[in-house]
Every structure is written in C-alpha cells, then in structure tokens.
Amino acid sequence: MKKTKILPSFWSLVIRFSVIFLIVVMAIEMIFELFKSGNLNAVVHSFDDYTWLTYILIKLVIAIVYGIFMAYITRRKLAKQKKRG
C-alpha cells in the first residue's frame, strides 16, 4: 500500500513562512542596530512618536507578501513531486 502525503494548506504555509521571515528580519535589524550604536536604546527613541506603527505595518506587509510567494512556490513544488511518484 502506497502512502499518500497530504499537501499542507496554503494559508498554514503562508503563516509559517511569514512568521519565520518576520522574526529573522527583526532579529537581524536589532543586531545591526546593536553594532551601529552600541546599545538598543536608539530603537526605543526612534519609536517615540508612533512611528512604530508604520514600521510594524510595513514589516507585516512585506512578511505576508513573502509568505504568499514562498507558499505558492512550495505548494507547486510539492504537487509536482506528488505527481511523479
């Protein structure tokens, strides 16, 4: 009997890719800020006047677009592999 692998749902892949991308990008930005200024106080000062909302929204949009793109590619690749064997 052949095992059939079920493809993961598109939106679960989008969420998975988006969250991982968001965490990695924000961690890299924090590391660069730490090396640039020597501490993370500059990050707190840059978000004093509600600019953090714009920052977060831009990061979320980019992460969701990345997640959709990667989920599409992953699902297509898995579907091709499933067809072959």
Protein backbone atom coordinates (compact mmCIF):
# COMPACT_ATOMS: atom_id res chain seq x y z
CA MET A 1 0.00 0.00 0.00
CA LYS A 2 1.33 3.38 -1.01
CA LYS A 3 1.47 6.22 1.48
CA THR A 4 -0.12 9.39 0.23
CA LYS A 5 1.23 12.62 1.57
CA ILE A 6 -1.28 15.37 2.10
CA LEU A 7 -0.16 18.78 0.95
CA PRO A 8 -0.11 21.36 3.73
CA SER A 9 -2.76 24.03 3.39
CA PHE A 10 -1.78 27.18 1.57
CA TRP A 11 -2.59 29.51 4.46
CA SER A 12 -0.71 27.43 7.03
CA LEU A 13 2.36 27.73 4.80
CA VAL A 14 1.81 31.49 4.41
CA ILE A 15 1.63 31.94 8.18
CA ARG A 16 4.66 29.73 8.78
CA PHE A 17 6.84 31.49 6.18
CA SER A 18 5.64 34.96 7.23
CA VAL A 19 6.32 34.47 10.95
CA ILE A 20 9.76 33.00 10.37
CA PHE A 21 10.65 35.78 7.92
CA LEU A 22 9.42 38.46 10.34
CA ILE A 23 11.40 37.05 13.27
CA VAL A 24 14.60 36.67 11.24
CA VAL A 25 14.39 40.16 9.69
CA MET A 26 13.67 41.87 13.01
CA ALA A 27 16.47 39.94 14.75
CA ILE A 28 18.94 40.94 12.02
CA GLU A 29 17.84 44.58 12.28
CA MET A 30 18.31 44.53 16.05
CA ILE A 31 21.78 43.02 15.70
CA PHE A 32 22.78 45.70 13.17
CA GLU A 33 21.41 48.43 15.46
CA LEU A 34 23.34 46.94 18.38
CA PHE A 35 26.60 47.05 16.41
CA LYS A 36 25.88 50.50 14.98
CA SER A 37 25.04 52.33 18.21
CA GLY A 38 26.45 50.01 20.85
CA ASN A 39 23.07 49.54 22.53
CA LEU A 40 19.40 49.16 21.72
CA ASN A 41 18.31 52.50 23.24
CA ALA A 42 18.28 54.07 19.77
CA VAL A 43 15.48 51.69 18.77
CA VAL A 44 13.31 52.85 21.68
CA HIS A 45 13.96 56.53 20.90
CA SER A 46 13.08 56.11 17.23
CA PHE A 47 9.59 54.83 18.15
CA ASP A 48 8.60 57.69 20.47
CA ASP A 49 6.13 59.44 18.16
CA TYR A 50 4.04 56.48 16.88
CA THR A 51 6.41 55.74 14.02
CA TRP A 52 6.46 52.19 15.37
CA LEU A 53 3.00 51.63 13.90
CA THR A 54 4.21 52.40 10.38
CA TYR A 55 7.33 50.30 10.97
CA ILE A 56 5.31 47.27 12.11
CA LEU A 57 2.75 47.62 9.28
CA ILE A 58 5.47 47.75 6.64
CA LYS A 59 7.20 44.70 8.11
CA LEU A 60 3.90 42.79 8.27
CA VAL A 61 3.02 43.58 4.65
CA ILE A 62 6.46 42.53 3.44
CA ALA A 63 6.32 39.34 5.53
CA ILE A 64 2.86 38.42 4.21
CA VAL A 65 3.88 39.02 0.60
CA TYR A 66 6.98 36.89 1.16
CA GLY A 67 4.87 34.19 2.83
CA ILE A 68 2.39 34.09 -0.06
CA PHE A 69 5.19 33.88 -2.62
CA MET A 70 7.03 31.11 -0.78
CA ALA A 71 3.83 29.16 -0.06
CA TYR A 72 2.91 29.27 -3.74
CA ILE A 73 6.34 28.01 -4.79
CA THR A 74 6.39 25.32 -2.10
CA ARG A 75 2.90 24.02 -2.92
CA ARG A 76 3.71 23.92 -6.63
CA LYS A 77 6.94 22.02 -5.97
CA LEU A 78 5.22 19.54 -3.65
CA ALA A 79 2.41 18.99 -6.17
CA LYS A 80 4.95 18.21 -8.90
CA GLN A 81 6.75 15.77 -6.62
CA LYS A 82 3.45 14.10 -5.72
CA LYS A 83 2.57 13.69 -9.41
CA ARG A 84 5.91 12.00 -10.18
CA GLY A 85 5.69 9.37 -7.56
